[in-house]
Each structure stands twice: as structure tokens, then as C-alpha cells.
Amino acid sequence: MTIKLSSSNYLLWRNHLLPIFTYQKLLGHLDGSSPAPSTTITVEEKSLPNPDYLVCAEADQRAIILLQSSLTEKAAVEVLGLTTARNIWLPLEASYSNASIEHVHSLRDSLRQLTKGTSYVSDYCRRFKAICDQLSAIGHPLKKRTIEERART
């Protein structure tokens, strides 16, 4: 993995990882849409290991390996001992998406204070979009009206 999760790059990290998990057909192990089947099945009144469970468990291990290879040491410590990809993903998402009220206010303040100044329009737009993307990622997207008003100023 070329991008390691840190406190400042959650969006970049997530945007890098999600296509990899989708391509590898492992996204369900992160979002919970692929729950593990039962560990055993009953055949002719005998309890046998469920082959579907073994396939699912192997896929979850691949997801864990991908996740762990993308973590800094600090992030890895936060999920030490967790044994499923989903159980690893959820605390990372909670910790690094920074959905705190203070963070939301800080991002909105940054947006209000953003000026083009002497920078190129493309640089200004890139900074504006980065702040908007961060707000959206933590569940506080800007309303279309707010964006249109900002574009006029």
C-alpha cells in the first residue's frame, strides 16, 4: 500500500482503499453486507464444517491483510486484537473521520475564510473542494445553496 492511514489523510486513504476492496470483491466485509455464514451445516443428521464459511473466512482474512498493510503503527495499535475486517474498519472510520462538532466548525470556518488571493483559480477551487469533501465525508455536506452563494463571492 502506498498510502498509510494517518490523522490527516483519512479521505485520501479511504478513497484509495475502497476501489481496491471493490475490485477484490471484499467490500462486503467492510460494510457488513457479506455476513459470515454459519460455521457448520447439517447433512444427513451430521454436523459438518460449512464450506461457504471457510470461503468467507478466507476472504475476510484477505480483507484484514489489506487493511493492516495500509495502517501506520499508531492506527494499527488502535485495532490491535480485532479479528474481522468489519471490526477493524468501524473503529478506524469512527476515529479518523473526525465527525466531532469542533471539527465541523473548524472546517466551516476554513471555508468561510478561504480566499483566492493571488493563487490560481484552479488552486482555490482545489482547496474549496477539499474542504467540501471533508465535510461530506463526516456527514455534514454543504447544501447546494451554500455552494452557489460561495461561488458568487
Protein backbone atom coordinates (compact mmCIF):
# COMPACT_ATOMS: atom_id res chain seq x y z
CA MET A 1 0.00 0.00 0.00
CA THR A 2 1.36 3.39 -0.93
CA ILE A 3 -0.94 5.33 1.41
CA LYS A 4 -0.86 4.70 5.14
CA LEU A 5 -3.71 5.96 7.33
CA SER A 6 -2.81 8.94 9.50
CA SER A 7 -4.80 11.59 11.31
CA SER A 8 -4.56 13.95 8.35
CA ASN A 9 -5.33 11.74 5.33
CA TYR A 10 -8.44 9.70 6.12
CA LEU A 11 -10.32 10.78 2.97
CA LEU A 12 -7.39 10.09 0.70
CA TRP A 13 -6.79 6.73 2.41
CA ARG A 14 -10.46 5.71 2.15
CA ASN A 15 -10.69 6.80 -1.49
CA HIS A 16 -7.59 4.75 -2.23
CA LEU A 17 -8.80 1.62 -0.43
CA LEU A 18 -12.47 1.36 -1.40
CA PRO A 19 -11.83 0.67 -5.12
CA ILE A 20 -9.29 -1.99 -4.16
CA PHE A 21 -11.79 -3.70 -1.86
CA THR A 22 -14.50 -3.41 -4.51
CA TYR A 23 -12.26 -4.89 -7.21
CA GLN A 24 -11.21 -7.73 -4.92
CA LYS A 25 -14.90 -8.37 -4.06
CA LEU A 26 -14.14 -7.71 -0.39
CA LEU A 27 -16.19 -4.56 0.22
CA GLY A 28 -18.96 -6.54 1.91
CA HIS A 29 -16.51 -7.48 4.63
CA LEU A 30 -16.11 -3.78 5.48
CA ASP A 31 -19.68 -2.55 5.15
CA GLY A 32 -21.36 -5.62 6.66
CA SER A 33 -23.24 -6.62 3.52
CA SER A 34 -21.47 -10.01 3.47
CA PRO A 35 -22.26 -11.55 6.85
CA ALA A 36 -20.45 -14.78 7.65
CA PRO A 37 -22.50 -17.95 7.12
CA SER A 38 -22.82 -20.46 9.94
CA THR A 39 -19.69 -22.44 10.73
CA THR A 40 -21.39 -25.81 10.31
CA ILE A 41 -24.11 -27.38 8.20
CA THR A 42 -26.18 -30.47 8.84
CA VAL A 43 -26.00 -33.23 6.24
CA GLU A 44 -27.84 -36.48 6.86
CA GLU A 45 -28.13 -35.61 10.54
CA LYS A 46 -24.37 -34.99 10.81
CA SER A 47 -22.82 -31.66 11.65
CA LEU A 48 -20.09 -30.82 9.12
CA PRO A 49 -17.90 -27.79 8.53
CA ASN A 50 -19.65 -25.33 6.20
CA PRO A 51 -17.52 -24.86 3.06
CA ASP A 52 -19.17 -21.46 2.48
CA TYR A 53 -17.96 -20.36 5.91
CA LEU A 54 -14.38 -21.35 5.06
CA VAL A 55 -14.51 -19.35 1.79
CA CYS A 56 -15.94 -16.33 3.64
CA ALA A 57 -13.36 -16.59 6.44
CA GLU A 58 -10.51 -16.70 3.89
CA ALA A 59 -11.90 -13.63 2.11
CA ASP A 60 -12.17 -11.81 5.44
CA GLN A 61 -8.53 -12.64 6.17
CA ARG A 62 -7.55 -11.14 2.80
CA ALA A 63 -9.51 -8.00 3.73
CA ILE A 64 -7.74 -7.84 7.09
CA ILE A 65 -4.34 -8.16 5.41
CA LEU A 66 -5.19 -5.33 3.02
CA LEU A 67 -6.42 -3.13 5.85
CA GLN A 68 -3.47 -3.80 8.11
CA SER A 69 -0.99 -3.15 5.31
CA SER A 70 -2.46 0.35 4.95
CA LEU A 71 -2.14 1.40 8.59
CA THR A 72 0.52 3.43 10.32
CA GLU A 73 1.80 1.98 13.58
CA LYS A 74 -0.43 4.38 15.54
CA ALA A 75 -3.55 3.29 13.65
CA ALA A 76 -2.60 -0.40 13.94
CA VAL A 77 -2.40 -0.09 17.72
CA GLU A 78 -5.99 1.19 17.79
CA VAL A 79 -7.30 -2.02 16.23
CA LEU A 80 -4.92 -4.49 17.84
CA GLY A 81 -6.69 -7.75 18.66
CA LEU A 82 -9.72 -7.16 16.42
CA THR A 83 -10.36 -10.24 14.33
CA THR A 84 -12.67 -9.30 11.46
CA ALA A 85 -12.32 -6.73 8.71
CA ARG A 86 -15.57 -5.03 9.75
CA ASN A 87 -14.49 -4.89 13.39
CA ILE A 88 -11.28 -3.19 12.24
CA TRP A 89 -12.97 -0.85 9.74
CA LEU A 90 -15.60 0.59 12.08
CA PRO A 91 -13.27 1.98 14.79
CA LEU A 92 -10.89 3.34 12.15
CA GLU A 93 -13.78 5.10 10.45
CA ALA A 94 -15.03 6.46 13.78
CA SER A 95 -11.58 7.62 14.90
CA TYR A 96 -10.28 9.13 11.70
CA SER A 97 -13.35 10.62 10.04
CA ASN A 98 -13.40 13.20 12.85
CA ALA A 99 -17.14 13.81 12.97
CA SER A 100 -16.81 15.93 16.09
CA ILE A 101 -18.68 19.21 16.29
CA GLU A 102 -15.41 21.07 16.78
CA HIS A 103 -14.00 19.60 13.58
CA VAL A 104 -17.15 20.52 11.64
CA HIS A 105 -16.94 24.10 12.93
CA SER A 106 -13.24 24.26 12.12
CA LEU A 107 -13.84 23.11 8.53
CA ARG A 108 -16.72 25.56 8.07
CA ASP A 109 -14.54 28.37 9.44
CA SER A 110 -11.81 27.39 7.00
CA LEU A 111 -14.34 27.56 4.20
CA ARG A 112 -15.58 31.00 5.28
CA GLN A 113 -12.02 32.31 5.47
CA LEU A 114 -10.97 30.83 2.14
CA THR A 115 -9.97 33.49 -0.37
CA LYS A 116 -8.49 33.29 -3.82
CA GLY A 117 -5.94 35.99 -3.14
CA THR A 118 -3.07 35.73 -5.61
CA SER A 119 -3.44 32.00 -6.14
CA TYR A 120 -4.64 30.46 -9.37
CA VAL A 121 -8.35 29.75 -9.72
CA SER A 122 -7.56 26.05 -10.00
CA ASP A 123 -5.70 26.11 -6.65
CA TYR A 124 -8.55 27.99 -5.00
CA CYS A 125 -11.12 25.51 -6.39
CA ARG A 126 -8.99 22.56 -5.27
CA ARG A 127 -8.81 23.93 -1.70
CA PHE A 128 -12.56 24.65 -1.72
CA LYS A 129 -13.37 21.13 -2.95
CA ALA A 130 -11.05 19.52 -0.39
CA ILE A 131 -12.88 21.23 2.48
CA CYS A 132 -16.28 20.36 0.98
CA ASP A 133 -15.20 16.72 0.57
CA GLN A 134 -14.07 16.56 4.19
CA LEU A 135 -17.39 17.96 5.40
CA SER A 136 -19.29 15.49 3.24
CA ALA A 137 -17.20 12.56 4.45
CA ILE A 138 -18.07 13.29 8.08
CA GLY A 139 -21.77 13.60 7.34
CA HIS A 140 -22.05 17.39 7.10
CA PRO A 141 -22.16 18.15 3.37
CA LEU A 142 -22.75 21.69 2.20
CA LYS A 143 -26.17 22.44 0.81
CA LYS A 144 -26.30 23.30 -2.88
CA ARG A 145 -27.47 26.82 -2.00
CA THR A 146 -24.39 27.37 0.17
CA ILE A 147 -22.08 26.29 -2.64
CA GLU A 148 -23.83 28.55 -5.16
CA GLU A 149 -23.63 31.51 -2.77
CA ARG A 150 -19.92 30.87 -2.19
CA ALA A 151 -19.30 30.65 -5.96
CA ARG A 152 -20.80 34.13 -6.44
CA THR A 153 -18.45 35.74 -3.89
